[in-house]
Amino acid sequence: MDFEQVMKQMKSEHEAALKEMPLPPGVEDYFRARVFAGDADTTLFMLKLAWVFGAQAGQAAAAQAEQVMKQPQRRMQA
């Protein structure tokens, strides 16, 4: 599967939820202005930042899950 196919699939799966996600004021206007100005350098920079932050969040979540799995199970007392 190439990148375009992956993005189409992810959009179809997550678009509704992400539409509800707020962004800081001015982000959409700034991004659209950069796109319409043909500023590929800035838009790619923003994409790379998002990619790095997402990867870091994923790694942190995986590390946290690993730590939880290593902890002995606790019995709940009634």
N, C-alpha and C. Protein backbone atom coordinates (compact mmCIF):
# COMPACT_ATOMS: atom_id res chain seq x y z
N MET A 1 0.86 -1.18 0.00
CA MET A 1 0.00 0.00 0.00
C MET A 1 0.90 1.24 0.00
N ASP A 2 0.67 2.17 -0.90
CA ASP A 2 1.49 3.37 -0.94
C ASP A 2 0.94 4.44 0.01
N PHE A 3 1.69 5.52 0.15
CA PHE A 3 1.33 6.55 1.12
C PHE A 3 -0.05 7.14 0.84
N GLU A 4 -0.36 7.39 -0.42
CA GLU A 4 -1.66 7.96 -0.77
C GLU A 4 -2.80 7.05 -0.33
N GLN A 5 -2.65 5.76 -0.54
CA GLN A 5 -3.68 4.81 -0.12
C GLN A 5 -3.83 4.78 1.40
N VAL A 6 -2.70 4.81 2.08
CA VAL A 6 -2.72 4.82 3.54
C VAL A 6 -3.47 6.05 4.05
N MET A 7 -3.15 7.22 3.47
CA MET A 7 -3.80 8.46 3.90
C MET A 7 -5.30 8.43 3.62
N LYS A 8 -5.70 7.91 2.47
CA LYS A 8 -7.13 7.79 2.15
C LYS A 8 -7.83 6.90 3.16
N GLN A 9 -7.20 5.78 3.50
CA GLN A 9 -7.78 4.87 4.48
C GLN A 9 -7.88 5.53 5.85
N MET A 10 -6.80 6.20 6.27
CA MET A 10 -6.82 6.85 7.58
C MET A 10 -7.86 7.96 7.62
N LYS A 11 -8.00 8.70 6.52
CA LYS A 11 -9.00 9.77 6.47
C LYS A 11 -10.39 9.19 6.61
N SER A 12 -10.66 8.11 5.90
CA SER A 12 -12.00 7.52 5.99
C SER A 12 -12.29 6.98 7.38
N GLU A 13 -11.26 6.48 8.07
CA GLU A 13 -11.44 5.91 9.40
C GLU A 13 -11.50 6.96 10.52
N HIS A 14 -10.81 8.09 10.35
CA HIS A 14 -10.65 9.02 11.47
C HIS A 14 -11.16 10.44 11.22
N GLU A 15 -11.63 10.72 10.02
CA GLU A 15 -12.00 12.09 9.68
C GLU A 15 -13.07 12.66 10.61
N ALA A 16 -14.10 11.90 10.90
CA ALA A 16 -15.19 12.42 11.73
C ALA A 16 -14.69 12.80 13.12
N ALA A 17 -13.87 11.95 13.73
CA ALA A 17 -13.36 12.24 15.07
C ALA A 17 -12.42 13.44 15.05
N LEU A 18 -11.58 13.53 14.03
CA LEU A 18 -10.62 14.63 13.98
C LEU A 18 -11.28 15.97 13.66
N LYS A 19 -12.43 15.95 13.01
CA LYS A 19 -13.14 17.22 12.77
C LYS A 19 -13.55 17.87 14.07
N GLU A 20 -13.75 17.06 15.10
CA GLU A 20 -14.17 17.57 16.41
C GLU A 20 -12.98 18.05 17.24
N MET A 21 -11.77 17.75 16.81
CA MET A 21 -10.58 18.13 17.56
C MET A 21 -10.25 19.61 17.32
N PRO A 22 -10.26 20.41 18.37
CA PRO A 22 -9.96 21.83 18.17
C PRO A 22 -8.46 22.06 17.96
N LEU A 23 -8.16 23.06 17.18
CA LEU A 23 -6.79 23.52 17.01
C LEU A 23 -6.70 24.92 17.61
N PRO A 24 -5.51 25.36 17.96
CA PRO A 24 -5.38 26.71 18.49
C PRO A 24 -5.90 27.74 17.49
N PRO A 25 -6.42 28.85 17.98
CA PRO A 25 -6.94 29.88 17.07
C PRO A 25 -5.88 30.32 16.06
N GLY A 26 -6.29 30.42 14.82
CA GLY A 26 -5.41 30.91 13.77
C GLY A 26 -4.66 29.84 13.00
N VAL A 27 -4.64 28.60 13.50
CA VAL A 27 -3.86 27.55 12.84
C VAL A 27 -4.41 27.26 11.44
N GLU A 28 -5.72 27.08 11.34
CA GLU A 28 -6.29 26.75 10.01
C GLU A 28 -6.05 27.88 9.02
N ASP A 29 -6.24 29.11 9.43
CA ASP A 29 -6.01 30.24 8.52
C ASP A 29 -4.55 30.31 8.09
N TYR A 30 -3.65 30.11 9.05
CA TYR A 30 -2.22 30.15 8.73
C TYR A 30 -1.85 29.05 7.75
N PHE A 31 -2.34 27.83 8.02
CA PHE A 31 -2.02 26.71 7.16
C PHE A 31 -2.56 26.93 5.75
N ARG A 32 -3.82 27.34 5.65
CA ARG A 32 -4.41 27.59 4.32
C ARG A 32 -3.63 28.68 3.58
N ALA A 33 -3.22 29.71 4.27
CA ALA A 33 -2.46 30.79 3.64
C ALA A 33 -1.13 30.26 3.10
N ARG A 34 -0.48 29.39 3.88
CA ARG A 34 0.79 28.82 3.43
C ARG A 34 0.59 27.93 2.20
N VAL A 35 -0.49 27.14 2.21
CA VAL A 35 -0.78 26.26 1.07
C VAL A 35 -1.09 27.10 -0.16
N PHE A 36 -1.97 28.07 -0.02
CA PHE A 36 -2.35 28.90 -1.17
C PHE A 36 -1.19 29.75 -1.68
N ALA A 37 -0.24 30.06 -0.80
CA ALA A 37 0.95 30.81 -1.22
C ALA A 37 1.98 29.90 -1.89
N GLY A 38 1.70 28.59 -1.86
CA GLY A 38 2.64 27.64 -2.45
C GLY A 38 3.87 27.43 -1.59
N ASP A 39 3.76 27.68 -0.30
CA ASP A 39 4.89 27.57 0.63
C ASP A 39 5.05 26.12 1.08
N ALA A 40 5.57 25.29 0.19
CA ALA A 40 5.73 23.87 0.49
C ALA A 40 6.71 23.66 1.64
N ASP A 41 7.73 24.50 1.76
CA ASP A 41 8.71 24.33 2.83
C ASP A 41 8.05 24.40 4.21
N THR A 42 7.19 25.40 4.41
CA THR A 42 6.53 25.55 5.71
C THR A 42 5.52 24.44 5.95
N THR A 43 4.73 24.09 4.94
CA THR A 43 3.74 23.04 5.13
C THR A 43 4.41 21.69 5.38
N LEU A 44 5.52 21.41 4.69
CA LEU A 44 6.24 20.17 4.96
C LEU A 44 6.88 20.19 6.34
N PHE A 45 7.36 21.35 6.78
CA PHE A 45 7.91 21.48 8.12
C PHE A 45 6.84 21.16 9.17
N MET A 46 5.63 21.69 8.97
CA MET A 46 4.52 21.42 9.89
C MET A 46 4.18 19.93 9.89
N LEU A 47 4.18 19.31 8.73
CA LEU A 47 3.90 17.88 8.63
C LEU A 47 4.97 17.07 9.35
N LYS A 48 6.22 17.46 9.17
CA LYS A 48 7.31 16.74 9.85
C LYS A 48 7.21 16.88 11.36
N LEU A 49 6.87 18.07 11.83
CA LEU A 49 6.69 18.25 13.28
C LEU A 49 5.58 17.34 13.80
N ALA A 50 4.46 17.32 13.09
CA ALA A 50 3.35 16.46 13.51
C ALA A 50 3.76 15.00 13.51
N TRP A 51 4.52 14.60 12.50
CA TRP A 51 4.98 13.21 12.39
C TRP A 51 5.89 12.87 13.58
N VAL A 52 6.84 13.75 13.89
CA VAL A 52 7.76 13.50 15.00
C VAL A 52 7.01 13.46 16.32
N PHE A 53 6.12 14.43 16.55
CA PHE A 53 5.37 14.44 17.80
C PHE A 53 4.50 13.20 17.93
N GLY A 54 3.90 12.77 16.83
CA GLY A 54 3.08 11.55 16.86
C GLY A 54 3.92 10.33 17.17
N ALA A 55 5.10 10.24 16.57
CA ALA A 55 5.99 9.11 16.83
C ALA A 55 6.43 9.11 18.29
N GLN A 56 6.74 10.29 18.82
CA GLN A 56 7.16 10.37 20.22
C GLN A 56 6.02 9.95 21.15
N ALA A 57 4.81 10.38 20.85
CA ALA A 57 3.66 10.01 21.67
C ALA A 57 3.42 8.50 21.60
N GLY A 58 3.58 7.94 20.42
CA GLY A 58 3.41 6.50 20.27
C GLY A 58 4.45 5.73 21.04
N GLN A 59 5.70 6.18 20.99
CA GLN A 59 6.76 5.52 21.75
C GLN A 59 6.52 5.63 23.25
N ALA A 60 6.08 6.78 23.69
CA ALA A 60 5.81 6.97 25.11
C ALA A 60 4.66 6.07 25.57
N ALA A 61 3.62 5.96 24.75
CA ALA A 61 2.49 5.09 25.10
C ALA A 61 2.92 3.63 25.14
N ALA A 62 3.76 3.22 24.19
CA ALA A 62 4.24 1.84 24.17
C ALA A 62 5.10 1.56 25.40
N ALA A 63 5.97 2.50 25.76
CA ALA A 63 6.82 2.32 26.94
C ALA A 63 5.98 2.25 28.21
N GLN A 64 4.94 3.08 28.29
CA GLN A 64 4.07 3.06 29.46
C GLN A 64 3.32 1.73 29.54
N ALA A 65 2.82 1.25 28.40
CA ALA A 65 2.11 -0.02 28.38
C ALA A 65 3.04 -1.16 28.79
N GLU A 66 4.28 -1.10 28.36
CA GLU A 66 5.26 -2.13 28.72
C GLU A 66 5.50 -2.14 30.22
N GLN A 67 5.60 -0.95 30.82
CA GLN A 67 5.81 -0.86 32.26
C GLN A 67 4.61 -1.43 33.02
N VAL A 68 3.42 -1.13 32.54
CA VAL A 68 2.20 -1.63 33.19
C VAL A 68 2.17 -3.16 33.12
N MET A 69 2.56 -3.71 31.98
CA MET A 69 2.54 -5.16 31.80
C MET A 69 3.57 -5.85 32.69
N LYS A 70 4.65 -5.16 33.04
CA LYS A 70 5.69 -5.74 33.88
C LYS A 70 5.31 -5.75 35.36
N GLN A 71 4.36 -4.91 35.75
CA GLN A 71 3.96 -4.81 37.16
C GLN A 71 3.15 -6.05 37.53
N PRO A 72 3.38 -6.54 38.74
CA PRO A 72 2.58 -7.69 39.18
C PRO A 72 1.12 -7.29 39.30
N GLN A 73 0.28 -8.24 38.98
CA GLN A 73 -1.17 -7.95 39.07
C GLN A 73 -1.57 -7.83 40.52
N ARG A 74 -2.43 -6.87 40.78
CA ARG A 74 -2.93 -6.66 42.14
C ARG A 74 -4.34 -7.20 42.22
N ARG A 75 -4.61 -7.87 43.29
CA ARG A 75 -5.97 -8.36 43.48
C ARG A 75 -6.81 -7.27 44.10
N MET A 76 -8.01 -7.15 43.60
CA MET A 76 -8.93 -6.16 44.18
C MET A 76 -9.57 -6.78 45.40
N GLN A 77 -9.61 -5.99 46.47
CA GLN A 77 -10.21 -6.47 47.70
C GLN A 77 -11.59 -5.84 47.85
N ALA A 78 -12.54 -6.65 48.24
CA ALA A 78 -13.91 -6.15 48.41
C ALA A 78 -14.13 -5.64 49.78
